[in-house]
Amino acid sequence: MMSKPFVESFFSPVRKTVLLFAIIAGLAVFGMIVVTVIDVILRIFRMGIPGAYDIVQLCSLIAISCALPYVTAVKGHIAIEFFYHRFSKKGRFLLDSFFRILSMLLFALLSYRTILYGLQLHASGQVMPTINIPVFWMPWLISLSCMLVFLTILYHLLNPGKEMIKP
């Protein structure tokens, strides 16, 4: 088994990155609010923000993908408690470990596939329809988020019953 100082030193930058992503997610939500409010007000005067829909869509992607590692780190996901209580303590531990390993495999696969998708978008030169921002980096952001979720689940697997970050 790995020593606690090694585990903590390894996961310290991961923890800081997860917190940074949470801040970015909050700023993206704030950006959606600002763009929407300004666009609605300007539409009263028969104007609007060109590409407001694209900007809100972009901010939504950023908010959701950047919030996922934080929600995982604080164990904010919904758990099916009544299902777990039907098992013994050892059974719950084994079931939880199995689902964590399965989740890690899923997020590793998602991370890999979104990198490949981003490479395809980069090669095609695809941009957002009205504001012409390249979109290749969006799957890469999702990939990075999936990698952070993978590492967060690994932390929880190595430290059962402990949140990576206190909410």
C-alpha atoms as a PDB file:
ATOM      1  CA  MET A   1       0.000   0.000   0.000  1.00  0.00           C
ATOM      2  CA  MET A   2       1.174   3.528  -0.722  1.00  0.00           C
ATOM      3  CA  SER A   3       2.222   5.783   2.133  1.00  0.00           C
ATOM      4  CA  LYS A   4      -0.086   8.649   3.163  1.00  0.00           C
ATOM      5  CA  PRO A   5       2.481  11.416   2.458  1.00  0.00           C
ATOM      6  CA  PHE A   6       2.985  10.098  -1.079  1.00  0.00           C
ATOM      7  CA  VAL A   7      -0.752   9.876  -1.710  1.00  0.00           C
ATOM      8  CA  GLU A   8      -1.307  13.391  -0.373  1.00  0.00           C
ATOM      9  CA  SER A   9       1.598  14.875  -2.343  1.00  0.00           C
ATOM     10  CA  PHE A  10       0.369  13.157  -5.510  1.00  0.00           C
ATOM     11  CA  PHE A  11      -3.222  14.315  -5.079  1.00  0.00           C
ATOM     12  CA  SER A  12      -2.458  17.858  -3.871  1.00  0.00           C
ATOM     13  CA  PRO A  13      -2.123  19.292  -7.414  1.00  0.00           C
ATOM     14  CA  VAL A  14      -5.189  17.301  -8.472  1.00  0.00           C
ATOM     15  CA  ARG A  15      -7.149  18.841  -5.582  1.00  0.00           C
ATOM     16  CA  LYS A  16      -5.992  22.347  -6.586  1.00  0.00           C
ATOM     17  CA  THR A  17      -6.930  21.730 -10.226  1.00  0.00           C
ATOM     18  CA  VAL A  18     -10.368  20.466  -9.204  1.00  0.00           C
ATOM     19  CA  LEU A  19     -10.889  23.647  -7.157  1.00  0.00           C
ATOM     20  CA  LEU A  20      -9.713  25.775 -10.094  1.00  0.00           C
ATOM     21  CA  PHE A  21     -12.179  23.964 -12.354  1.00  0.00           C
ATOM     22  CA  ALA A  22     -14.958  24.666  -9.820  1.00  0.00           C
ATOM     23  CA  ILE A  23     -14.135  28.383  -9.969  1.00  0.00           C
ATOM     24  CA  ILE A  24     -14.145  28.274 -13.773  1.00  0.00           C
ATOM     25  CA  ALA A  25     -17.535  26.504 -13.680  1.00  0.00           C
ATOM     26  CA  GLY A  26     -18.926  29.244 -11.446  1.00  0.00           C
ATOM     27  CA  LEU A  27     -17.591  31.946 -13.752  1.00  0.00           C
ATOM     28  CA  ALA A  28     -19.156  30.167 -16.733  1.00  0.00           C
ATOM     29  CA  VAL A  29     -22.553  30.129 -15.001  1.00  0.00           C
ATOM     30  CA  PHE A  30     -22.107  33.817 -14.220  1.00  0.00           C
ATOM     31  CA  GLY A  31     -21.231  34.399 -17.884  1.00  0.00           C
ATOM     32  CA  MET A  32     -24.437  32.652 -18.983  1.00  0.00           C
ATOM     33  CA  ILE A  33     -26.469  34.877 -16.671  1.00  0.00           C
ATOM     34  CA  VAL A  34     -24.790  38.086 -17.852  1.00  0.00           C
ATOM     35  CA  VAL A  35     -25.113  37.270 -21.557  1.00  0.00           C
ATOM     36  CA  THR A  36     -28.744  36.203 -21.189  1.00  0.00           C
ATOM     37  CA  VAL A  37     -29.770  39.278 -19.176  1.00  0.00           C
ATOM     38  CA  ILE A  38     -27.980  41.713 -21.497  1.00  0.00           C
ATOM     39  CA  ASP A  39     -29.393  39.977 -24.570  1.00  0.00           C
ATOM     40  CA  VAL A  40     -32.960  40.139 -23.198  1.00  0.00           C
ATOM     41  CA  ILE A  41     -32.589  43.815 -22.292  1.00  0.00           C
ATOM     42  CA  LEU A  42     -31.125  44.656 -25.709  1.00  0.00           C
ATOM     43  CA  ARG A  43     -33.967  42.808 -27.454  1.00  0.00           C
ATOM     44  CA  ILE A  44     -36.409  45.256 -25.877  1.00  0.00           C
ATOM     45  CA  PHE A  45     -34.681  47.888 -28.044  1.00  0.00           C
ATOM     46  CA  ARG A  46     -34.735  45.563 -31.107  1.00  0.00           C
ATOM     47  CA  MET A  47     -31.056  44.739 -30.749  1.00  0.00           C
ATOM     48  CA  GLY A  48     -29.301  41.745 -29.301  1.00  0.00           C
ATOM     49  CA  ILE A  49     -25.947  40.129 -28.786  1.00  0.00           C
ATOM     50  CA  PRO A  50     -24.863  38.406 -32.001  1.00  0.00           C
ATOM     51  CA  GLY A  51     -24.117  34.796 -31.149  1.00  0.00           C
ATOM     52  CA  ALA A  52     -25.708  34.948 -27.689  1.00  0.00           C
ATOM     53  CA  TYR A  53     -27.011  31.405 -28.120  1.00  0.00           C
ATOM     54  CA  ASP A  54     -23.528  30.144 -29.021  1.00  0.00           C
ATOM     55  CA  ILE A  55     -21.978  31.980 -26.073  1.00  0.00           C
ATOM     56  CA  VAL A  56     -24.521  30.508 -23.636  1.00  0.00           C
ATOM     57  CA  GLN A  57     -23.993  27.072 -25.170  1.00  0.00           C
ATOM     58  CA  LEU A  58     -20.223  27.444 -24.773  1.00  0.00           C
ATOM     59  CA  CYS A  59     -20.580  28.588 -21.159  1.00  0.00           C
ATOM     60  CA  SER A  60     -22.913  25.636 -20.466  1.00  0.00           C
ATOM     61  CA  LEU A  61     -20.319  23.194 -21.750  1.00  0.00           C
ATOM     62  CA  ILE A  62     -17.636  24.822 -19.611  1.00  0.00           C
ATOM     63  CA  ALA A  63     -19.857  24.908 -16.512  1.00  0.00           C
ATOM     64  CA  ILE A  64     -20.946  21.278 -16.718  1.00  0.00           C
ATOM     65  CA  SER A  65     -17.568  19.811 -17.619  1.00  0.00           C
ATOM     66  CA  CYS A  66     -15.662  21.887 -15.051  1.00  0.00           C
ATOM     67  CA  ALA A  67     -18.159  21.207 -12.246  1.00  0.00           C
ATOM     68  CA  LEU A  68     -18.096  17.419 -12.612  1.00  0.00           C
ATOM     69  CA  PRO A  69     -14.697  16.837 -10.922  1.00  0.00           C
ATOM     70  CA  TYR A  70     -15.713  19.020  -7.948  1.00  0.00           C
ATOM     71  CA  VAL A  71     -19.030  17.218  -7.497  1.00  0.00           C
ATOM     72  CA  THR A  72     -17.146  13.917  -7.587  1.00  0.00           C
ATOM     73  CA  ALA A  73     -14.499  15.178  -5.125  1.00  0.00           C
ATOM     74  CA  VAL A  74     -17.098  16.216  -2.515  1.00  0.00           C
ATOM     75  CA  LYS A  75     -19.132  13.057  -3.145  1.00  0.00           C
ATOM     76  CA  GLY A  76     -22.089  15.146  -4.243  1.00  0.00           C
ATOM     77  CA  HIS A  77     -23.592  12.479  -6.486  1.00  0.00           C
ATOM     78  CA  ILE A  78     -26.807  10.738  -5.577  1.00  0.00           C
ATOM     79  CA  ALA A  79     -26.279   7.333  -4.013  1.00  0.00           C
ATOM     80  CA  ILE A  80     -28.868   4.594  -3.812  1.00  0.00           C
ATOM     81  CA  GLU A  81     -28.640   4.047  -0.072  1.00  0.00           C
ATOM     82  CA  PHE A  82     -31.431   1.518   0.321  1.00  0.00           C
ATOM     83  CA  PHE A  83     -29.657  -0.738  -2.181  1.00  0.00           C
ATOM     84  CA  TYR A  84     -26.364  -0.561  -0.294  1.00  0.00           C
ATOM     85  CA  HIS A  85     -27.973  -1.240   3.096  1.00  0.00           C
ATOM     86  CA  ARG A  86     -29.099  -4.662   1.919  1.00  0.00           C
ATOM     87  CA  PHE A  87     -25.449  -5.765   1.959  1.00  0.00           C
ATOM     88  CA  SER A  88     -23.089  -6.394   4.862  1.00  0.00           C
ATOM     89  CA  LYS A  89     -20.320  -3.876   5.566  1.00  0.00           C
ATOM     90  CA  LYS A  90     -17.857  -6.005   3.607  1.00  0.00           C
ATOM     91  CA  GLY A  91     -20.381  -6.405   0.784  1.00  0.00           C
ATOM     92  CA  ARG A  92     -20.923  -2.639   0.626  1.00  0.00           C
ATOM     93  CA  PHE A  93     -17.159  -2.099   0.500  1.00  0.00           C
ATOM     94  CA  LEU A  94     -16.754  -4.623  -2.335  1.00  0.00           C
ATOM     95  CA  LEU A  95     -19.730  -3.257  -4.264  1.00  0.00           C
ATOM     96  CA  ASP A  96     -18.515   0.317  -3.823  1.00  0.00           C
ATOM     97  CA  SER A  97     -15.004  -0.658  -4.939  1.00  0.00           C
ATOM     98  CA  PHE A  98     -16.392  -2.480  -7.965  1.00  0.00           C
ATOM     99  CA  PHE A  99     -18.463   0.535  -9.031  1.00  0.00           C
ATOM    100  CA  ARG A 100     -15.519   2.883  -8.491  1.00  0.00           C
ATOM    101  CA  ILE A 101     -13.268   0.736 -10.686  1.00  0.00           C
ATOM    102  CA  LEU A 102     -16.023   0.519 -13.308  1.00  0.00           C
ATOM    103  CA  SER A 103     -16.440   4.318 -13.153  1.00  0.00           C
ATOM    104  CA  MET A 104     -12.691   4.813 -13.540  1.00  0.00           C
ATOM    105  CA  LEU A 105     -12.714   2.644 -16.669  1.00  0.00           C
ATOM    106  CA  LEU A 106     -15.672   4.586 -18.053  1.00  0.00           C
ATOM    107  CA  PHE A 107     -14.047   7.988 -17.455  1.00  0.00           C
ATOM    108  CA  ALA A 108     -10.713   6.789 -18.855  1.00  0.00           C
ATOM    109  CA  LEU A 109     -12.509   5.659 -22.017  1.00  0.00           C
ATOM    110  CA  LEU A 110     -14.464   8.939 -22.221  1.00  0.00           C
ATOM    111  CA  SER A 111     -11.250  10.903 -21.826  1.00  0.00           C
ATOM    112  CA  TYR A 112      -9.529   8.969 -24.591  1.00  0.00           C
ATOM    113  CA  ARG A 113     -12.466   9.178 -26.995  1.00  0.00           C
ATOM    114  CA  THR A 114     -12.989  12.910 -26.487  1.00  0.00           C
ATOM    115  CA  ILE A 115      -9.307  13.553 -27.238  1.00  0.00           C
ATOM    116  CA  LEU A 116      -9.752  11.685 -30.520  1.00  0.00           C
ATOM    117  CA  TYR A 117     -12.935  13.627 -31.280  1.00  0.00           C
ATOM    118  CA  GLY A 118     -11.134  16.907 -30.596  1.00  0.00           C
ATOM    119  CA  LEU A 119      -8.409  15.862 -33.028  1.00  0.00           C
ATOM    120  CA  GLN A 120     -11.078  15.187 -35.678  1.00  0.00           C
ATOM    121  CA  LEU A 121     -12.639  18.609 -35.084  1.00  0.00           C
ATOM    122  CA  HIS A 122      -9.212  20.249 -35.269  1.00  0.00           C
ATOM    123  CA  ALA A 123      -8.457  18.531 -38.580  1.00  0.00           C
ATOM    124  CA  SER A 124     -11.819  19.589 -40.044  1.00  0.00           C
ATOM    125  CA  GLY A 125     -11.468  23.198 -38.856  1.00  0.00           C
ATOM    126  CA  GLN A 126     -15.008  23.271 -37.477  1.00  0.00           C
ATOM    127  CA  VAL A 127     -16.131  26.502 -35.760  1.00  0.00           C
ATOM    128  CA  MET A 128     -19.216  27.689 -33.867  1.00  0.00           C
ATOM    129  CA  PRO A 129     -21.918  28.851 -36.307  1.00  0.00           C
ATOM    130  CA  THR A 130     -22.285  32.550 -35.493  1.00  0.00           C
ATOM    131  CA  ILE A 131     -19.167  33.573 -33.575  1.00  0.00           C
ATOM    132  CA  ASN A 132     -16.615  31.486 -35.496  1.00  0.00           C
ATOM    133  CA  ILE A 133     -14.769  30.182 -32.434  1.00  0.00           C
ATOM    134  CA  PRO A 134     -12.960  26.884 -33.142  1.00  0.00           C
ATOM    135  CA  VAL A 135     -14.577  23.966 -31.323  1.00  0.00           C
ATOM    136  CA  PHE A 136     -11.717  21.439 -31.223  1.00  0.00           C
ATOM    137  CA  TRP A 137     -10.709  22.474 -27.694  1.00  0.00           C
ATOM    138  CA  MET A 138     -14.144  21.730 -26.220  1.00  0.00           C
ATOM    139  CA  PRO A 139     -13.773  17.929 -26.302  1.00  0.00           C
ATOM    140  CA  TRP A 140     -10.255  18.397 -24.897  1.00  0.00           C
ATOM    141  CA  LEU A 141     -11.723  20.308 -21.935  1.00  0.00           C
ATOM    142  CA  ILE A 142     -14.212  17.479 -21.424  1.00  0.00           C
ATOM    143  CA  SER A 143     -11.314  15.013 -21.653  1.00  0.00           C
ATOM    144  CA  LEU A 144      -9.345  16.874 -18.995  1.00  0.00           C
ATOM    145  CA  SER A 145     -12.432  16.941 -16.804  1.00  0.00           C
ATOM    146  CA  CYS A 146     -12.841  13.171 -17.256  1.00  0.00           C
ATOM    147  CA  MET A 147      -9.184  12.664 -16.312  1.00  0.00           C
ATOM    148  CA  LEU A 148      -9.758  14.692 -13.131  1.00  0.00           C
ATOM    149  CA  VAL A 149     -12.844  12.616 -12.318  1.00  0.00           C
ATOM    150  CA  PHE A 150     -10.769   9.462 -12.892  1.00  0.00           C
ATOM    151  CA  LEU A 151      -8.111  10.697 -10.442  1.00  0.00           C
ATOM    152  CA  THR A 152     -10.744  11.788  -7.935  1.00  0.00           C
ATOM    153  CA  ILE A 153     -12.364   8.351  -8.000  1.00  0.00           C
ATOM    154  CA  LEU A 154      -8.900   6.812  -7.582  1.00  0.00           C
ATOM    155  CA  TYR A 155      -8.404   9.005  -4.506  1.00  0.00           C
ATOM    156  CA  HIS A 156     -11.735   7.799  -3.101  1.00  0.00           C
ATOM    157  CA  LEU A 157     -10.765   4.209  -3.841  1.00  0.00           C
ATOM    158  CA  LEU A 158      -7.495   4.650  -1.926  1.00  0.00           C
ATOM    159  CA  ASN A 159      -9.205   6.596   0.898  1.00  0.00           C
ATOM    160  CA  PRO A 160     -12.615   4.973   1.453  1.00  0.00           C
ATOM    161  CA  GLY A 161     -15.157   7.110   3.279  1.00  0.00           C
ATOM    162  CA  LYS A 162     -13.193  10.342   2.800  1.00  0.00           C
ATOM    163  CA  GLU A 163     -13.982  13.276   0.529  1.00  0.00           C
ATOM    164  CA  MET A 164     -11.123  14.682  -1.499  1.00  0.00           C
ATOM    165  CA  ILE A 165     -12.440  18.190  -0.806  1.00  0.00           C
ATOM    166  CA  LYS A 166     -14.704  19.282   2.040  1.00  0.00           C
ATOM    167  CA  PRO A 167     -17.733  21.164   0.625  1.00  0.00           C
END
